[in-house]
N, C-alpha and C. Protein backbone atom coordinates (compact mmCIF):
# COMPACT_ATOMS: atom_id res chain seq x y z
N SER A 1 204.48 122.43 -198.42
CA SER A 1 203.26 121.75 -198.83
C SER A 1 202.11 122.13 -197.89
N THR A 2 200.92 121.82 -198.30
CA THR A 2 199.74 122.12 -197.49
C THR A 2 199.76 121.38 -196.17
N ILE A 3 200.16 120.13 -196.20
CA ILE A 3 200.19 119.33 -194.97
C ILE A 3 201.19 119.91 -193.98
N ALA A 4 202.35 120.31 -194.45
CA ALA A 4 203.36 120.87 -193.56
C ALA A 4 202.87 122.16 -192.90
N ARG A 5 202.06 122.93 -193.60
CA ARG A 5 201.51 124.16 -193.01
C ARG A 5 200.38 123.86 -192.03
N ALA A 6 199.62 122.79 -192.25
CA ALA A 6 198.45 122.48 -191.42
C ALA A 6 198.81 121.73 -190.14
N VAL A 7 199.82 120.90 -190.16
CA VAL A 7 200.15 120.04 -189.02
C VAL A 7 200.39 120.82 -187.72
N PRO A 8 201.09 121.96 -187.73
CA PRO A 8 201.28 122.67 -186.46
C PRO A 8 199.99 123.13 -185.78
N ALA A 9 198.90 123.21 -186.53
CA ALA A 9 197.62 123.64 -185.95
C ALA A 9 196.88 122.50 -185.26
N VAL A 10 197.30 121.27 -185.49
CA VAL A 10 196.63 120.11 -184.90
C VAL A 10 197.14 119.91 -183.48
N VAL A 11 196.21 119.74 -182.54
CA VAL A 11 196.56 119.51 -181.14
C VAL A 11 195.86 118.26 -180.63
N SER A 12 196.47 117.65 -179.65
CA SER A 12 195.85 116.55 -178.93
C SER A 12 195.17 117.16 -177.71
N ILE A 13 193.98 116.69 -177.41
CA ILE A 13 193.22 117.21 -176.27
C ILE A 13 192.95 116.07 -175.30
N LYS A 14 193.26 116.32 -174.05
CA LYS A 14 192.99 115.34 -172.99
C LYS A 14 191.95 115.95 -172.06
N VAL A 15 190.86 115.23 -171.85
CA VAL A 15 189.75 115.73 -171.03
C VAL A 15 189.46 114.74 -169.91
N ASN A 16 189.40 115.25 -168.69
CA ASN A 16 188.94 114.47 -167.54
C ASN A 16 187.59 115.02 -167.14
N ARG A 17 186.61 114.15 -167.04
CA ARG A 17 185.27 114.60 -166.68
C ARG A 17 184.72 113.84 -165.49
N VAL A 18 183.94 114.56 -164.72
CA VAL A 18 183.22 113.92 -163.61
C VAL A 18 181.86 113.48 -164.14
N ARG A 19 181.20 112.68 -163.38
CA ARG A 19 179.84 112.26 -163.77
C ARG A 19 178.89 113.38 -163.38
N ALA A 20 178.55 114.21 -164.36
CA ALA A 20 177.73 115.39 -164.09
C ALA A 20 176.23 115.10 -164.14
N PHE A 21 175.84 114.20 -165.02
CA PHE A 21 174.42 113.89 -165.20
C PHE A 21 174.27 112.38 -165.28
N ASP A 22 173.06 111.89 -165.16
CA ASP A 22 172.84 110.44 -165.23
C ASP A 22 173.24 109.86 -166.57
N THR A 23 173.28 110.68 -167.63
CA THR A 23 173.57 110.17 -168.97
C THR A 23 175.04 110.25 -169.34
N SER A 24 175.88 110.87 -168.52
CA SER A 24 177.30 110.99 -168.87
C SER A 24 178.15 110.20 -167.89
N ASN A 25 179.20 109.59 -168.40
CA ASN A 25 180.09 108.80 -167.57
C ASN A 25 181.32 109.61 -167.18
N ALA A 26 181.85 109.31 -166.03
CA ALA A 26 183.12 109.91 -165.61
C ALA A 26 184.25 109.21 -166.36
N GLY A 27 185.37 109.91 -166.53
CA GLY A 27 186.52 109.27 -167.17
C GLY A 27 187.37 110.25 -167.93
N THR A 28 188.32 109.68 -168.67
CA THR A 28 189.25 110.46 -169.47
C THR A 28 188.97 110.23 -170.95
N VAL A 29 189.00 111.32 -171.71
CA VAL A 29 188.77 111.26 -173.15
C VAL A 29 189.98 111.86 -173.85
N GLN A 30 190.41 111.23 -174.93
CA GLN A 30 191.46 111.76 -175.79
C GLN A 30 190.81 112.17 -177.11
N ALA A 31 191.20 113.32 -177.62
CA ALA A 31 190.60 113.82 -178.87
C ALA A 31 191.63 114.69 -179.59
N THR A 32 191.21 115.21 -180.73
CA THR A 32 192.03 116.16 -181.46
C THR A 32 191.26 117.44 -181.67
N GLY A 33 191.99 118.48 -181.97
CA GLY A 33 191.39 119.77 -182.28
C GLY A 33 192.33 120.53 -183.18
N PHE A 34 191.88 121.71 -183.60
CA PHE A 34 192.66 122.55 -184.50
C PHE A 34 192.72 123.96 -183.94
N VAL A 35 193.92 124.51 -183.86
CA VAL A 35 194.05 125.90 -183.46
C VAL A 35 193.51 126.75 -184.60
N VAL A 36 192.42 127.46 -184.35
CA VAL A 36 191.81 128.29 -185.39
C VAL A 36 192.15 129.77 -185.21
N ASP A 37 192.61 130.15 -184.02
CA ASP A 37 193.05 131.52 -183.77
C ASP A 37 194.10 131.48 -182.66
N ALA A 38 195.35 131.38 -183.05
CA ALA A 38 196.44 131.28 -182.07
C ALA A 38 196.60 132.57 -181.28
N GLU A 39 196.36 133.69 -181.92
CA GLU A 39 196.51 134.98 -181.25
C GLU A 39 195.53 135.15 -180.08
N ARG A 40 194.30 134.71 -180.30
CA ARG A 40 193.27 134.80 -179.24
C ARG A 40 193.16 133.52 -178.43
N GLY A 41 193.80 132.44 -178.89
CA GLY A 41 193.82 131.18 -178.14
C GLY A 41 192.57 130.33 -178.28
N PHE A 42 192.10 130.10 -179.51
CA PHE A 42 190.91 129.27 -179.72
C PHE A 42 191.25 127.98 -180.46
N ILE A 43 190.70 126.88 -179.94
CA ILE A 43 190.83 125.56 -180.54
C ILE A 43 189.44 125.06 -180.88
N LEU A 44 189.26 124.57 -182.10
CA LEU A 44 187.99 123.99 -182.55
C LEU A 44 188.06 122.48 -182.39
N THR A 45 186.99 121.91 -181.84
CA THR A 45 186.90 120.46 -181.69
C THR A 45 185.43 120.05 -181.79
N ASN A 46 185.14 118.77 -181.54
CA ASN A 46 183.77 118.29 -181.58
C ASN A 46 183.05 118.57 -180.27
N ARG A 47 181.75 118.72 -180.34
CA ARG A 47 180.92 119.04 -179.17
C ARG A 47 181.07 118.02 -178.06
N HIS A 48 181.09 116.73 -178.39
CA HIS A 48 181.16 115.71 -177.35
C HIS A 48 182.47 115.75 -176.57
N VAL A 49 183.51 116.37 -177.13
CA VAL A 49 184.78 116.49 -176.42
C VAL A 49 184.62 117.47 -175.26
N ALA A 50 183.98 118.58 -175.50
CA ALA A 50 183.74 119.57 -174.44
C ALA A 50 182.71 119.05 -173.45
N GLY A 51 181.73 118.31 -173.93
CA GLY A 51 180.75 117.67 -173.06
C GLY A 51 179.81 118.63 -172.35
N PRO A 52 178.73 118.11 -171.79
CA PRO A 52 177.74 118.95 -171.14
C PRO A 52 178.07 119.32 -169.70
N GLY A 53 178.99 118.63 -169.08
CA GLY A 53 179.25 118.85 -167.66
C GLY A 53 180.62 119.43 -167.39
N PRO A 54 180.97 119.55 -166.13
CA PRO A 54 182.27 120.10 -165.77
C PRO A 54 183.41 119.20 -166.22
N ILE A 55 184.49 119.82 -166.70
CA ILE A 55 185.66 119.08 -167.18
C ILE A 55 186.94 119.79 -166.77
N VAL A 56 188.01 119.04 -166.83
CA VAL A 56 189.36 119.59 -166.74
C VAL A 56 190.05 119.14 -168.02
N ALA A 57 190.52 120.10 -168.84
CA ALA A 57 191.08 119.76 -170.13
C ALA A 57 192.43 120.43 -170.36
N GLU A 58 193.23 119.79 -171.21
CA GLU A 58 194.50 120.39 -171.61
C GLU A 58 194.78 120.04 -173.06
N ALA A 59 195.51 120.94 -173.73
CA ALA A 59 195.93 120.72 -175.10
C ALA A 59 197.41 120.38 -175.10
N ILE A 60 197.78 119.44 -175.97
CA ILE A 60 199.17 119.07 -176.14
C ILE A 60 199.55 119.41 -177.58
N PHE A 61 200.48 120.33 -177.72
CA PHE A 61 200.90 120.81 -179.04
C PHE A 61 201.96 119.91 -179.65
N GLN A 62 202.29 120.14 -180.91
CA GLN A 62 203.27 119.33 -181.63
C GLN A 62 204.64 119.31 -180.97
N ASP A 63 204.99 120.38 -180.26
CA ASP A 63 206.28 120.43 -179.56
C ASP A 63 206.22 119.83 -178.16
N ASN A 64 205.11 119.15 -177.85
CA ASN A 64 204.84 118.50 -176.57
C ASN A 64 204.58 119.46 -175.41
N SER A 65 204.42 120.74 -175.70
CA SER A 65 204.03 121.67 -174.64
C SER A 65 202.54 121.47 -174.33
N GLU A 66 202.19 121.69 -173.07
CA GLU A 66 200.82 121.47 -172.62
C GLU A 66 200.27 122.76 -172.02
N VAL A 67 199.00 123.05 -172.32
CA VAL A 67 198.34 124.22 -171.77
C VAL A 67 196.95 123.83 -171.29
N PRO A 68 196.50 124.42 -170.17
CA PRO A 68 195.13 124.14 -169.72
C PRO A 68 194.12 124.80 -170.65
N LEU A 69 192.95 124.17 -170.76
CA LEU A 69 191.87 124.67 -171.61
C LEU A 69 190.62 124.94 -170.79
N THR A 70 189.85 125.90 -171.26
CA THR A 70 188.51 126.12 -170.73
C THR A 70 187.54 126.08 -171.90
N VAL A 71 186.31 125.69 -171.64
CA VAL A 71 185.30 125.67 -172.69
C VAL A 71 184.87 127.10 -172.95
N ALA A 72 185.04 127.55 -174.20
CA ALA A 72 184.63 128.90 -174.59
C ALA A 72 183.23 128.89 -175.17
N TYR A 73 182.89 127.82 -175.91
CA TYR A 73 181.56 127.72 -176.52
C TYR A 73 181.27 126.26 -176.81
N TYR A 74 180.04 125.87 -176.54
CA TYR A 74 179.55 124.50 -176.76
C TYR A 74 178.25 124.63 -177.52
N ASP A 75 178.25 124.26 -178.81
CA ASP A 75 177.05 124.45 -179.61
C ASP A 75 175.99 123.41 -179.24
N PRO A 76 174.79 123.85 -178.91
CA PRO A 76 173.76 122.90 -178.47
C PRO A 76 173.15 122.07 -179.60
N VAL A 77 173.36 122.48 -180.85
CA VAL A 77 172.75 121.79 -181.98
C VAL A 77 173.77 121.10 -182.88
N HIS A 78 174.80 121.82 -183.25
CA HIS A 78 175.80 121.31 -184.19
C HIS A 78 176.97 120.69 -183.44
N ASP A 79 177.70 119.83 -184.11
CA ASP A 79 178.77 119.06 -183.47
C ASP A 79 180.09 119.81 -183.47
N PHE A 80 180.14 120.96 -182.75
CA PHE A 80 181.41 121.64 -182.57
C PHE A 80 181.43 122.40 -181.26
N ALA A 81 182.66 122.64 -180.82
CA ALA A 81 182.88 123.39 -179.58
C ALA A 81 184.21 124.12 -179.73
N PHE A 82 184.38 125.17 -178.95
CA PHE A 82 185.64 125.90 -178.91
C PHE A 82 186.20 125.85 -177.50
N PHE A 83 187.49 125.56 -177.43
CA PHE A 83 188.24 125.68 -176.19
C PHE A 83 189.06 126.95 -176.26
N LYS A 84 189.38 127.51 -175.09
CA LYS A 84 190.20 128.71 -175.00
C LYS A 84 191.46 128.36 -174.22
N PHE A 85 192.61 128.89 -174.68
CA PHE A 85 193.87 128.74 -173.96
C PHE A 85 194.61 130.07 -173.93
N ASP A 86 195.51 130.23 -172.96
CA ASP A 86 196.33 131.45 -172.86
C ASP A 86 197.68 131.22 -173.47
């Protein structure tokens, strides 16, 4: 089914952020994302997940494996961002 094919692409994202600017708070954020290119290691998520400041992030896959993430792209206008993983 379509759902069975899509579920492995869904990842949980855990982000720890420092207080980078007066408008952003420090703390931990939980979010979801979708692996859009497993071969190159790209995950699509919302812009606010990547945030404007420095972060430490990791993806948790369906098999409970965890990988560190880096911000690959943060769109300044639209609500999306890409994380990169190895």
